[in-house]
Amino acid sequence: MKKVVIDRFEGEMAVCERADKTTFNIAKQLLPPEAREGDVLIMEDDRICIDIEETQKRRVRVEKMMKRIQK
């Protein structure tokens, strides 16, 4: 099992980031339809799903960081 984060979308591709900060592309058609930037994906065998709990934790951390930066 691998976890990656959707960094951004470029056309029909999702640019994903591994834990070591390297990136790779996945065709959007292979992702769950509700996938969006910032989602944490679990990639296991031929299955890709969104890690909802980890995605939410990550969003909360980013929001807190943005609030600190804006002060």
C-alpha atoms as a PDB file:
ATOM      1  CA  MET A   1       0.000   0.000   0.000  1.00  0.00           C
ATOM      2  CA  LYS A   2       1.271   3.448  -0.955  1.00  0.00           C
ATOM      3  CA  LYS A   3      -0.099   6.819   0.028  1.00  0.00           C
ATOM      4  CA  VAL A   4       0.256   9.847  -2.224  1.00  0.00           C
ATOM      5  CA  VAL A   5      -1.272  13.333  -2.350  1.00  0.00           C
ATOM      6  CA  ILE A   6      -2.900  14.919  -5.381  1.00  0.00           C
ATOM      7  CA  ASP A   7      -0.853  18.076  -5.913  1.00  0.00           C
ATOM      8  CA  ARG A   8      -2.740  19.407  -8.929  1.00  0.00           C
ATOM      9  CA  PHE A   9      -4.525  18.515 -12.129  1.00  0.00           C
ATOM     10  CA  GLU A  10      -3.043  19.182 -15.556  1.00  0.00           C
ATOM     11  CA  GLY A  11      -5.496  18.404 -18.311  1.00  0.00           C
ATOM     12  CA  GLU A  12      -6.536  14.776 -18.003  1.00  0.00           C
ATOM     13  CA  MET A  13      -3.725  13.945 -15.568  1.00  0.00           C
ATOM     14  CA  ALA A  14      -3.415  14.236 -11.789  1.00  0.00           C
ATOM     15  CA  VAL A  15       0.072  15.174 -10.599  1.00  0.00           C
ATOM     16  CA  CYS A  16       0.651  13.214  -7.392  1.00  0.00           C
ATOM     17  CA  GLU A  17       3.367  13.594  -4.772  1.00  0.00           C
ATOM     18  CA  ARG A  18       5.012  10.767  -2.857  1.00  0.00           C
ATOM     19  CA  ALA A  19       6.292  11.092   0.724  1.00  0.00           C
ATOM     20  CA  ASP A  20       9.811  11.740  -0.635  1.00  0.00           C
ATOM     21  CA  LYS A  21       8.437  14.770  -2.571  1.00  0.00           C
ATOM     22  CA  THR A  22       8.886  13.181  -6.004  1.00  0.00           C
ATOM     23  CA  THR A  23       5.931  13.469  -8.368  1.00  0.00           C
ATOM     24  CA  PHE A  24       4.290  11.278 -10.968  1.00  0.00           C
ATOM     25  CA  ASN A  25       1.143  11.411 -13.102  1.00  0.00           C
ATOM     26  CA  ILE A  26      -2.029   9.350 -12.889  1.00  0.00           C
ATOM     27  CA  ALA A  27      -4.800   9.535 -15.480  1.00  0.00           C
ATOM     28  CA  LYS A  28      -7.872  11.248 -13.958  1.00  0.00           C
ATOM     29  CA  GLN A  29     -10.058   8.432 -15.246  1.00  0.00           C
ATOM     30  CA  LEU A  30      -8.318   6.035 -12.827  1.00  0.00           C
ATOM     31  CA  LEU A  31      -9.188   8.145  -9.775  1.00  0.00           C
ATOM     32  CA  PRO A  32     -12.435   8.172  -7.823  1.00  0.00           C
ATOM     33  CA  PRO A  33     -14.760  10.742  -9.457  1.00  0.00           C
ATOM     34  CA  GLU A  34     -14.820  12.913  -6.303  1.00  0.00           C
ATOM     35  CA  ALA A  35     -11.006  13.174  -6.088  1.00  0.00           C
ATOM     36  CA  ARG A  36      -9.652  16.718  -5.837  1.00  0.00           C
ATOM     37  CA  GLU A  37      -6.422  18.586  -5.147  1.00  0.00           C
ATOM     38  CA  GLY A  38      -5.033  17.886  -1.693  1.00  0.00           C
ATOM     39  CA  ASP A  39      -6.682  14.486  -1.317  1.00  0.00           C
ATOM     40  CA  VAL A  40      -4.590  11.669   0.117  1.00  0.00           C
ATOM     41  CA  LEU A  41      -4.869   8.573  -2.047  1.00  0.00           C
ATOM     42  CA  ILE A  42      -4.291   4.982  -1.038  1.00  0.00           C
ATOM     43  CA  MET A  43      -2.848   2.974  -3.915  1.00  0.00           C
ATOM     44  CA  GLU A  44      -3.063  -0.756  -3.406  1.00  0.00           C
ATOM     45  CA  ASP A  45      -2.700  -3.321  -6.175  1.00  0.00           C
ATOM     46  CA  ASP A  46      -5.041  -2.100  -8.950  1.00  0.00           C
ATOM     47  CA  ARG A  47      -7.219  -0.033  -6.596  1.00  0.00           C
ATOM     48  CA  ILE A  48      -7.056   3.693  -5.816  1.00  0.00           C
ATOM     49  CA  CYS A  49      -9.239   5.217  -3.103  1.00  0.00           C
ATOM     50  CA  ILE A  50      -9.304   8.407  -1.042  1.00  0.00           C
ATOM     51  CA  ASP A  51      -8.089   8.234   2.552  1.00  0.00           C
ATOM     52  CA  ILE A  52     -10.822  10.484   3.936  1.00  0.00           C
ATOM     53  CA  GLU A  53      -9.467  10.626   7.492  1.00  0.00           C
ATOM     54  CA  GLU A  54      -5.905  11.492   6.447  1.00  0.00           C
ATOM     55  CA  THR A  55      -7.177  14.016   3.890  1.00  0.00           C
ATOM     56  CA  GLN A  56      -9.200  15.792   6.590  1.00  0.00           C
ATOM     57  CA  LYS A  57      -6.235  15.871   9.000  1.00  0.00           C
ATOM     58  CA  ARG A  58      -4.064  17.328   6.244  1.00  0.00           C
ATOM     59  CA  ARG A  59      -6.639  20.016   5.399  1.00  0.00           C
ATOM     60  CA  VAL A  60      -6.866  21.063   9.077  1.00  0.00           C
ATOM     61  CA  ARG A  61      -3.043  21.333   9.305  1.00  0.00           C
ATOM     62  CA  VAL A  62      -2.914  23.449   6.142  1.00  0.00           C
ATOM     63  CA  GLU A  63      -5.695  25.751   7.394  1.00  0.00           C
ATOM     64  CA  LYS A  64      -3.864  26.301  10.690  1.00  0.00           C
ATOM     65  CA  MET A  65      -0.635  27.024   8.845  1.00  0.00           C
ATOM     66  CA  MET A  66      -2.344  29.514   6.539  1.00  0.00           C
ATOM     67  CA  LYS A  67      -3.894  31.344   9.517  1.00  0.00           C
ATOM     68  CA  ARG A  68      -0.455  31.658  11.165  1.00  0.00           C
ATOM     69  CA  ILE A  69       1.057  32.995   7.949  1.00  0.00           C
ATOM     70  CA  GLN A  70      -1.701  35.588   7.541  1.00  0.00           C
ATOM     71  CA  LYS A  71      -1.139  37.041  11.024  1.00  0.00           C
END
